[in-house]
Amino acid sequence: MNVVWRILFYIGVLWRFYGCRHFIVEAACPKGCLCLSPAQVMCNSGELREIPLKNMPLTVETLALQKNIFPVIKSDAFLGLKALRKLSLDRNNITTIKPFAFRGLPRLRDLSIQHTPLAVVASFAFAGLQNVSQISLCHNKILRIEAYAFAGSAGIRLLNLADNPTVLVETNAFSSLSSVDRLILPSGIRNISQDAFFALDMVGYLKLSFMDLSEVSAFTFRGLTNVKLLSLQESDLGVISANAFDGLDHVDTLNILNNKIDAIHELNITAVNHVRTLRLQGNHLLETPEPGSITLEGLGVLHVVGNYFPCGCHIHTLLDSPLANGSYASGEDFLSKNYCISPLEVNGLQMAQLDIFAIGRCHEQVTRENLEASGAASLAASLVHFRWCQGSSSWWCDHSRINYSATVALLHPYGLVLLAYFKYFRLKIS
């Protein structure tokens, strides 16, 4: 009998402490929610039209608000939940996030908003998240990321924006993110504004893939500093404009992989950028860069392999460029590692299989070289003319000062003979 009484006594004690506690938690739980404990609340009923702060336990650490119909997250929407560490807002009907929506959550670490109709990440929507380390914004309808959307949220380590139909990334969109280890942007971006990555510091991994750009505009990467890996890949980059990489600083590896590139107006990577490794691989370049448009200096390693270049008369310009010369300096055979994209009859052919010397230079290239040579010869002839006529008042010197074309005639071998004749004639009549 004593054993039975002891069992009943322990049951009573357990009911007193756990049963009553459970009853109290249920009584204080918001309508439409299930309070599993003072620290864990689930509101997945599908009927909530607004965020239920009333009766929400202030001790909640994990809050799941999923599959509901509220369209707006207002400013300071979770004010007072200072113990909150993990917040999930997946599969709601969210279309708008107001500025400073998550302010006042000093312990929040993990924030997830996925599978919603959210179309715009508005300015300051995720501002002031002092200790958040991870934000997942995947599988939404995000078309635009506005300036300063994450202002003051320096602790974010992972920002995932994958699987959104994003078209525009505005200037300063990622300003203040100074600890991001991985920034995963969506596919299909059509416009990256100047300074879009300004003040984005200490990035471990930044991948830009499956973009559809008309151009990589000037100063796109200005202010982006201390990046372990920056990769532009599997995209239509359009035109790489002048100054596109100006202001990019301290990059361990810059990858430009498997892209279609209409033209390179300028690719200027110098010691100022502190890029250790540049890898151009698998790209299809439709136009040969103009002479002087590519500068590659201060690189530790340069890989230019598996690319497809025009192999017409401009191939000589390509072979004179730092792309080819830098490859040879890195111990790689440029011709054997790259291929032709045009003309059609050599499409896909390894460049090493071409008879380079049988390919004539383009007319404009020949003209340019002749002009450069002509300019050099003209300068040399001018110096000869100046020294001969210095201190002289002969009729030929006076005439040549009026009609400088006589000096240009000296560019040819016959002109030099004529010069000797006039010099002899001058000596005879003096």
Protein backbone atom coordinates (compact mmCIF):
# COMPACT_ATOMS: atom_id res chain seq x y z
CA MET A 1 0.00 0.00 0.00
CA ASN A 2 2.88 2.35 0.78
CA VAL A 3 4.17 1.84 -2.75
CA VAL A 4 0.79 2.82 -4.23
CA TRP A 5 0.63 5.97 -2.12
CA ARG A 6 4.16 6.91 -3.17
CA ILE A 7 3.23 6.52 -6.86
CA LEU A 8 0.12 8.65 -6.41
CA PHE A 9 2.17 11.25 -4.57
CA TYR A 10 4.71 11.52 -7.40
CA ILE A 11 1.90 11.74 -9.97
CA GLY A 12 0.41 14.60 -8.01
CA VAL A 13 3.73 16.40 -7.86
CA LEU A 14 4.27 15.99 -11.60
CA TRP A 15 0.76 17.22 -12.36
CA ARG A 16 1.24 20.20 -10.09
CA PHE A 17 4.46 21.36 -11.75
CA TYR A 18 4.05 20.25 -15.36
CA GLY A 19 0.30 20.10 -15.81
CA CYS A 20 -0.32 23.54 -14.38
CA ARG A 21 2.64 24.97 -16.26
CA HIS A 22 1.29 23.56 -19.52
CA PHE A 23 -2.12 24.99 -18.69
CA ILE A 24 -0.67 28.43 -18.04
CA VAL A 25 1.30 28.39 -21.31
CA GLU A 26 -1.79 27.41 -23.28
CA ALA A 27 -3.80 30.14 -21.62
CA ALA A 28 -1.20 32.81 -22.54
CA CYS A 29 -0.73 31.64 -26.13
CA PRO A 30 -1.86 33.91 -29.01
CA LYS A 31 -4.94 32.87 -30.94
CA GLY A 32 -4.06 30.67 -33.90
CA CYS A 33 -0.74 29.63 -32.38
CA LEU A 34 0.60 26.61 -30.56
CA CYS A 35 2.94 27.29 -27.67
CA LEU A 36 5.07 24.19 -27.28
CA SER A 37 6.96 25.84 -24.44
CA PRO A 38 7.67 29.37 -23.21
CA ALA A 39 10.62 29.35 -25.65
CA GLN A 40 8.99 27.80 -28.74
CA VAL A 41 5.85 29.03 -30.53
CA MET A 42 4.30 27.88 -33.82
CA CYS A 43 1.67 29.97 -35.64
CA ASN A 44 1.01 27.94 -38.77
CA SER A 45 -2.79 27.97 -38.75
CA GLY A 46 -3.08 29.70 -42.11
CA GLU A 47 -5.62 32.24 -40.86
CA LEU A 48 -3.51 35.04 -39.36
CA ARG A 49 -4.04 38.43 -41.03
CA GLU A 50 -1.44 40.18 -38.90
CA ILE A 51 1.49 39.27 -36.69
CA PRO A 52 0.06 38.22 -33.28
CA LEU A 53 2.09 40.05 -30.63
CA LYS A 54 -0.75 39.98 -28.09
CA ASN A 55 -0.22 37.20 -25.53
CA MET A 56 3.03 36.22 -27.22
CA PRO A 57 5.41 34.91 -24.50
CA LEU A 58 8.23 37.40 -24.07
CA THR A 59 10.50 34.43 -23.44
CA VAL A 60 10.02 32.99 -26.94
CA GLU A 61 13.31 32.04 -28.64
CA THR A 62 12.02 30.18 -31.72
CA LEU A 63 9.00 31.59 -33.55
CA ALA A 64 7.48 30.08 -36.69
CA LEU A 65 4.84 32.14 -38.51
CA GLN A 66 4.17 30.15 -41.67
CA LYS A 67 1.42 29.66 -44.26
CA ASN A 68 -0.56 32.71 -43.13
CA ILE A 69 -2.21 35.49 -45.11
CA PHE A 70 -0.77 38.71 -43.63
CA PRO A 71 0.60 40.90 -46.46
CA VAL A 72 2.72 43.44 -44.56
CA ILE A 73 5.48 43.30 -41.99
CA LYS A 74 5.26 46.68 -40.29
CA SER A 75 8.09 48.66 -38.72
CA ASP A 76 9.04 47.27 -35.29
CA ALA A 77 6.72 44.32 -35.94
CA PHE A 78 8.34 42.14 -33.26
CA LEU A 79 9.18 44.79 -30.68
CA GLY A 80 9.54 43.38 -27.19
CA LEU A 81 10.63 39.86 -28.15
CA LYS A 82 14.16 40.40 -26.93
CA ALA A 83 14.84 36.71 -26.37
CA LEU A 84 13.99 35.74 -29.97
CA ARG A 85 16.82 33.87 -31.72
CA LYS A 86 15.19 32.19 -34.73
CA LEU A 87 12.33 33.61 -36.82
CA SER A 88 10.69 31.85 -39.77
CA LEU A 89 8.20 33.69 -41.98
CA ASP A 90 8.06 31.22 -44.87
CA ARG A 91 5.07 30.69 -47.18
CA ASN A 92 3.14 33.75 -46.07
CA ASN A 93 1.39 36.27 -48.32
CA ILE A 94 4.05 38.92 -47.67
CA THR A 95 4.24 41.66 -50.30
CA THR A 96 5.78 44.50 -48.26
CA ILE A 97 8.45 44.78 -45.58
CA LYS A 98 8.53 48.23 -43.99
CA PRO A 99 11.78 49.95 -42.91
CA PHE A 100 13.24 48.64 -39.64
CA ALA A 101 10.69 45.82 -39.54
CA PHE A 102 12.95 43.69 -37.32
CA ARG A 103 14.31 46.37 -35.03
CA GLY A 104 14.54 45.58 -31.33
CA LEU A 105 15.62 41.94 -31.66
CA PRO A 106 19.12 41.98 -30.14
CA ARG A 107 19.48 38.17 -29.93
CA LEU A 108 18.08 37.26 -33.35
CA ARG A 109 20.50 35.03 -35.26
CA ASP A 110 18.51 33.31 -38.01
CA LEU A 111 15.84 34.93 -40.21
CA SER A 112 14.02 33.14 -43.03
CA ILE A 113 11.50 34.62 -45.49
CA GLN A 114 10.99 32.17 -48.35
CA HIS A 115 8.26 31.20 -50.82
CA THR A 116 6.40 34.52 -50.63
CA PRO A 117 5.21 37.05 -53.27
CA LEU A 118 7.67 39.66 -51.96
CA ALA A 119 8.79 41.70 -55.00
CA VAL A 120 11.02 44.42 -53.52
CA VAL A 121 13.66 44.39 -50.81
CA ALA A 122 13.02 47.98 -49.78
CA SER A 123 15.53 50.44 -48.36
CA PHE A 124 16.20 49.76 -44.65
CA ALA A 125 13.85 46.74 -44.63
CA PHE A 126 16.55 44.67 -42.92
CA ALA A 127 18.37 47.54 -41.23
CA GLY A 128 19.66 47.42 -37.70
CA LEU A 129 19.96 43.64 -37.35
CA GLN A 130 22.96 43.83 -35.10
CA ASN A 131 23.58 40.14 -34.43
CA VAL A 132 21.81 38.29 -37.25
CA SER A 133 24.23 35.87 -38.89
CA GLN A 134 21.99 34.32 -41.54
CA ILE A 135 19.18 35.66 -43.76
CA SER A 136 17.44 33.42 -46.28
CA LEU A 137 15.37 35.21 -48.93
CA CYS A 138 15.13 32.37 -51.44
CA HIS A 139 12.22 31.41 -53.69
CA ASN A 140 10.45 34.77 -53.55
CA LYS A 141 9.42 37.15 -56.36
CA ILE A 142 12.12 39.73 -55.67
CA LEU A 143 12.64 41.97 -58.70
CA ARG A 144 14.60 44.80 -57.09
CA ILE A 145 17.03 45.24 -54.21
CA GLU A 146 17.03 48.88 -53.14
CA ALA A 147 19.80 51.01 -51.68
CA TYR A 148 20.73 50.45 -48.02
CA ALA A 149 18.35 47.50 -47.66
CA PHE A 150 20.71 45.95 -45.07
CA ALA A 151 22.12 49.13 -43.51
CA GLY A 152 23.59 48.65 -40.06
CA SER A 153 23.43 44.85 -40.23
CA ALA A 154 27.15 44.24 -40.14
CA GLY A 155 26.98 40.82 -38.52
CA ILE A 156 25.36 38.95 -41.42
CA ARG A 157 27.53 36.01 -42.46
CA LEU A 158 25.25 34.36 -45.02
CA LEU A 159 22.83 36.22 -47.30
CA ASN A 160 21.02 33.92 -49.69
CA LEU A 161 18.91 35.48 -52.46
CA ALA A 162 18.83 32.47 -54.77
CA ASP A 163 15.86 31.61 -56.97
CA ASN A 164 14.42 35.09 -57.36
CA PRO A 165 13.60 36.83 -60.66
CA THR A 166 15.74 39.82 -59.69
CA VAL A 167 16.24 42.39 -62.44
CA LEU A 168 17.90 45.35 -60.68
CA VAL A 169 20.47 45.70 -57.91
CA GLU A 170 20.61 49.38 -56.94
CA THR A 171 23.60 51.46 -55.88
CA ASN A 172 24.64 50.74 -52.26
CA ALA A 173 22.24 47.79 -52.09
CA PHE A 174 24.65 45.87 -49.86
CA SER A 175 26.20 48.78 -48.01
CA SER A 176 27.29 48.04 -44.41
CA LEU A 177 27.64 44.28 -44.89
CA SER A 178 31.16 43.91 -43.58
CA SER A 179 31.26 40.29 -42.44
CA VAL A 180 29.54 38.33 -45.21
CA ASP A 181 31.17 34.98 -45.79
CA ARG A 182 28.76 33.99 -48.59
CA LEU A 183 26.58 36.27 -50.68
CA ILE A 184 24.45 34.25 -53.08
CA LEU A 185 22.62 36.37 -55.63
CA PRO A 186 19.75 35.21 -57.83
CA SER A 187 19.91 34.21 -61.46
CA GLY A 188 18.65 36.42 -64.26
CA ILE A 189 19.89 39.81 -63.03
CA ARG A 190 19.63 42.32 -65.88
CA ASN A 191 21.05 45.48 -64.35
CA ILE A 192 23.72 45.99 -61.69
CA SER A 193 23.98 49.68 -60.85
CA GLN A 194 27.20 51.58 -60.37
CA ASP A 195 28.52 51.06 -56.81
CA ALA A 196 26.03 48.25 -56.16
CA PHE A 197 28.60 46.56 -53.91
CA PHE A 198 30.00 49.73 -52.36
CA ALA A 199 31.15 49.29 -48.74
CA LEU A 200 30.73 45.52 -48.98
CA ASP A 201 33.78 44.34 -47.08
CA MET A 202 35.31 41.01 -46.05
CA VAL A 203 33.35 38.83 -48.47
CA GLY A 204 34.36 35.21 -48.59
CA TYR A 205 32.38 34.16 -51.66
CA LEU A 206 30.45 36.30 -54.14
CA LYS A 207 28.96 34.45 -57.09
CA LEU A 208 27.16 36.24 -59.94
CA SER A 209 25.73 33.69 -62.33
CA PHE A 210 23.11 33.32 -65.07
CA MET A 211 22.86 37.09 -65.54
CA ASP A 212 21.47 38.75 -68.65
CA LEU A 213 23.31 42.07 -68.78
CA SER A 214 23.62 44.57 -71.58
CA GLU A 215 26.87 45.74 -69.99
CA VAL A 216 29.08 45.52 -66.96
CA SER A 217 29.01 49.25 -66.37
CA ALA A 218 31.70 51.56 -65.04
CA PHE A 219 32.45 51.23 -61.31
CA THR A 220 30.15 48.24 -60.84
CA PHE A 221 32.56 46.79 -58.28
CA ARG A 222 33.87 50.00 -56.73
CA GLY A 223 34.08 49.76 -52.95
CA LEU A 224 34.04 45.96 -52.94
CA THR A 225 37.04 45.00 -50.81
CA ASN A 226 38.72 41.98 -49.27
CA VAL A 227 37.07 39.27 -51.35
CA LYS A 228 38.32 35.70 -51.33
CA LEU A 229 36.44 34.70 -54.49
CA LEU A 230 34.52 36.88 -56.96
CA SER A 231 33.01 34.84 -59.77
CA LEU A 232 31.16 36.09 -62.87
CA GLN A 233 29.97 32.96 -64.61
CA GLU A 234 27.46 31.33 -66.94
CA SER A 235 26.11 34.75 -67.97
CA ASP A 236 25.59 37.09 -70.87
CA LEU A 237 27.83 39.95 -69.76
CA GLY A 238 27.17 42.11 -72.81
CA VAL A 239 29.91 44.74 -72.99
CA ILE A 240 32.59 45.05 -70.32
CA SER A 241 32.79 48.84 -70.13
CA ALA A 242 35.75 51.03 -69.28
CA ASN A 243 36.39 51.27 -65.51
CA ALA A 244 34.16 48.26 -64.79
CA PHE A 245 36.65 46.90 -62.25
CA ASP A 246 37.99 50.22 -60.97
CA GLY A 247 37.75 50.45 -57.19
CA LEU A 248 37.79 46.68 -56.69
CA ASP A 249 40.40 46.03 -54.02
CA HIS A 250 42.13 42.99 -52.52
CA VAL A 251 40.69 39.98 -54.33
CA ASP A 252 42.27 36.57 -53.91
CA THR A 253 40.63 35.09 -57.03
CA LEU A 254 38.66 36.79 -59.81
CA ASN A 255 36.89 34.29 -62.05
CA ILE A 256 35.31 35.17 -65.40
CA LEU A 257 33.96 31.79 -66.48
CA ASN A 258 31.78 30.44 -69.29
CA ASN A 259 30.24 33.76 -70.31
CA LYS A 260 29.19 35.36 -73.57
CA ILE A 261 30.97 38.67 -73.95
CA ASP A 262 29.99 40.96 -76.82
CA ALA A 263 33.03 43.20 -76.43
CA ILE A 264 35.67 44.33 -73.95
CA HIS A 265 36.03 48.10 -74.06
CA GLU A 266 38.48 47.92 -71.19
CA LEU A 267 39.80 45.27 -68.84
CA ASN A 268 42.07 47.13 -66.50
CA ILE A 269 43.49 45.06 -63.64
CA THR A 270 46.58 46.62 -62.07
CA ALA A 271 48.61 46.35 -58.89
CA VAL A 272 46.22 48.86 -57.31
CA ASN A 273 43.46 46.21 -57.37
CA HIS A 274 45.58 43.64 -55.51
CA VAL A 275 44.15 40.70 -57.48
CA ARG A 276 46.19 37.56 -56.91
CA THR A 277 44.63 35.21 -59.46
CA LEU A 278 42.68 36.05 -62.61
CA ARG A 279 41.01 33.17 -64.39
CA LEU A 280 39.37 33.66 -67.81
CA GLN A 281 38.02 30.33 -68.88
CA GLY A 282 35.35 29.03 -71.25
CA ASN A 283 34.22 32.47 -72.43
CA HIS A 284 32.91 33.28 -75.91
CA LEU A 285 34.21 36.69 -77.00
CA LEU A 286 32.53 38.09 -80.11
CA GLU A 287 34.94 40.97 -80.77
CA THR A 288 38.69 41.24 -80.35
CA PRO A 289 39.63 43.96 -77.83
CA GLU A 290 41.23 47.06 -79.34
CA PRO A 291 44.97 47.55 -78.85
CA GLY A 292 45.66 49.03 -75.42
CA SER A 293 42.24 48.18 -74.02
CA ILE A 294 43.56 45.41 -71.77
CA THR A 295 45.98 46.00 -68.90
CA LEU A 296 46.96 43.11 -66.63
CA GLU A 297 49.57 44.04 -64.05
CA GLY A 298 50.46 42.87 -60.57
CA LEU A 299 48.81 39.46 -60.95
CA GLY A 300 50.25 36.47 -59.19
CA VAL A 301 48.60 33.96 -61.53
CA LEU A 302 46.87 34.40 -64.90
CA HIS A 303 44.87 31.58 -66.51
CA VAL A 304 43.43 32.16 -70.01
CA VAL A 305 42.19 28.77 -71.16
CA GLY A 306 39.28 27.25 -73.02
CA ASN A 307 38.09 30.56 -74.45
CA TYR A 308 36.74 31.23 -77.95
CA PHE A 309 38.13 34.27 -79.78
CA PRO A 310 37.68 35.74 -83.29
CA CYS A 311 40.40 34.32 -85.53
CA GLY A 312 40.15 36.70 -88.48
CA CYS A 313 42.58 39.46 -89.28
CA HIS A 314 42.33 40.80 -85.69
CA ILE A 315 44.05 37.72 -84.31
CA HIS A 316 47.37 39.57 -84.49
CA THR A 317 46.01 42.23 -82.13
CA LEU A 318 44.91 39.48 -79.74
CA LEU A 319 48.31 37.80 -79.81
CA ASP A 320 50.00 41.12 -79.06
CA SER A 321 47.72 41.71 -76.03
CA PRO A 322 48.42 40.91 -72.36
CA LEU A 323 45.92 38.04 -72.58
CA ALA A 324 48.32 36.07 -74.77
CA ASN A 325 51.59 37.46 -73.47
CA GLY A 326 50.54 37.01 -69.85
CA SER A 327 49.60 33.41 -70.53
CA TYR A 328 53.03 32.63 -71.93
CA ALA A 329 54.60 34.33 -68.91
CA SER A 330 52.54 32.00 -66.69
CA GLY A 331 53.86 28.96 -68.54
CA GLU A 332 50.72 28.32 -70.60
CA ASP A 333 50.57 28.05 -74.37
CA PHE A 334 47.83 30.50 -75.34
CA LEU A 335 47.34 29.09 -78.84
CA SER A 336 47.00 25.47 -77.74
CA LYS A 337 44.64 26.29 -74.84
CA ASN A 338 42.13 28.51 -76.69
CA TYR A 339 39.86 28.22 -79.71
CA CYS A 340 38.30 30.10 -82.62
CA ILE A 341 34.73 31.38 -82.63
CA SER A 342 34.91 32.99 -86.07
CA PRO A 343 35.09 32.96 -89.08
CA LEU A 344 32.59 30.16 -89.50
CA GLU A 345 35.01 27.85 -91.33
CA VAL A 346 37.33 27.71 -88.29
CA ASN A 347 34.68 27.76 -85.55
CA GLY A 348 35.74 25.42 -82.75
CA LEU A 349 39.24 24.98 -84.14
CA GLN A 350 42.17 25.06 -81.75
CA MET A 351 44.09 28.28 -82.40
CA ALA A 352 47.36 26.36 -82.56
CA GLN A 353 46.11 24.66 -85.75
CA LEU A 354 45.90 27.97 -87.61
CA ASP A 355 48.58 29.21 -89.96
CA ILE A 356 48.91 32.55 -88.18
CA PHE A 357 51.38 33.97 -90.71
CA ALA A 358 48.97 33.27 -93.55
CA ILE A 359 46.34 35.50 -91.94
CA GLY A 360 46.79 39.07 -93.07
CA ARG A 361 46.45 41.97 -90.72
CA CYS A 362 43.27 44.05 -90.87
CA HIS A 363 43.32 47.17 -93.03
CA GLU A 364 42.77 49.52 -90.10
CA GLN A 365 45.57 47.80 -88.19
CA VAL A 366 47.98 48.17 -91.11
CA THR A 367 46.96 51.80 -91.50
CA ARG A 368 47.48 52.42 -87.80
CA GLU A 369 50.92 50.80 -87.86
CA ASN A 370 51.90 52.82 -90.94
CA LEU A 371 50.77 56.02 -89.26
CA GLU A 372 52.74 55.15 -86.15
CA ALA A 373 55.81 54.36 -88.24
CA SER A 374 55.23 57.50 -90.29
CA GLY A 375 55.03 59.56 -87.16
CA ALA A 376 58.30 58.17 -85.87
CA ALA A 377 60.04 58.73 -89.21
CA SER A 378 58.59 62.22 -89.46
CA LEU A 379 60.02 63.08 -86.08
CA ALA A 380 63.44 61.74 -87.09
CA ALA A 381 63.38 63.69 -90.36
CA SER A 382 62.35 66.83 -88.54
CA LEU A 383 65.34 66.51 -86.25
CA VAL A 384 67.68 66.13 -89.26
CA HIS A 385 66.09 69.13 -90.94
CA PHE A 386 66.29 71.23 -87.78
CA ARG A 387 69.98 70.48 -87.21
CA TRP A 388 70.88 71.20 -90.86
CA CYS A 389 68.95 74.45 -91.08
CA GLN A 390 69.90 75.70 -87.61
CA GLY A 391 71.62 79.01 -88.08
CA SER A 392 71.10 78.93 -91.85
CA SER A 393 69.12 81.36 -94.00
CA SER A 394 69.21 79.35 -97.24
CA TRP A 395 66.26 79.54 -99.59
CA TRP A 396 65.47 75.82 -99.09
CA CYS A 397 65.21 76.14 -95.32
CA ASP A 398 63.01 79.21 -95.66
CA HIS A 399 60.81 77.46 -98.17
CA SER A 400 60.51 74.32 -96.03
CA ARG A 401 59.36 76.38 -93.06
CA ILE A 402 56.48 77.64 -95.20
CA ASN A 403 55.70 74.31 -96.82
CA TYR A 404 56.32 71.53 -94.28
CA SER A 405 55.33 68.89 -96.80
CA ALA A 406 58.88 69.03 -98.08
CA THR A 407 59.98 67.51 -94.79
CA VAL A 408 57.42 64.73 -95.10
CA ALA A 409 58.95 63.88 -98.49
CA LEU A 410 62.11 62.98 -96.62
CA LEU A 411 60.32 59.93 -95.16
CA HIS A 412 61.05 57.96 -98.33
CA PRO A 413 64.47 56.75 -99.50
CA TYR A 414 64.28 59.08 -102.48
CA GLY A 415 63.67 61.91 -100.09
CA LEU A 416 66.89 61.11 -98.28
CA VAL A 417 68.76 61.20 -101.60
CA LEU A 418 67.11 64.54 -102.31
CA LEU A 419 68.22 65.79 -98.91
CA ALA A 420 71.83 64.87 -99.69
CA TYR A 421 71.57 66.60 -103.07
CA PHE A 422 70.23 69.82 -101.55
CA LYS A 423 72.92 69.73 -98.90
CA TYR A 424 75.61 69.37 -101.58
CA PHE A 425 73.96 72.10 -103.69
CA ARG A 426 73.91 74.42 -100.68
CA LEU A 427 77.62 73.88 -100.11
CA LYS A 428 78.38 74.63 -103.77
CA ILE A 429 76.51 77.93 -103.87
CA SER A 430 77.55 79.22 -100.47
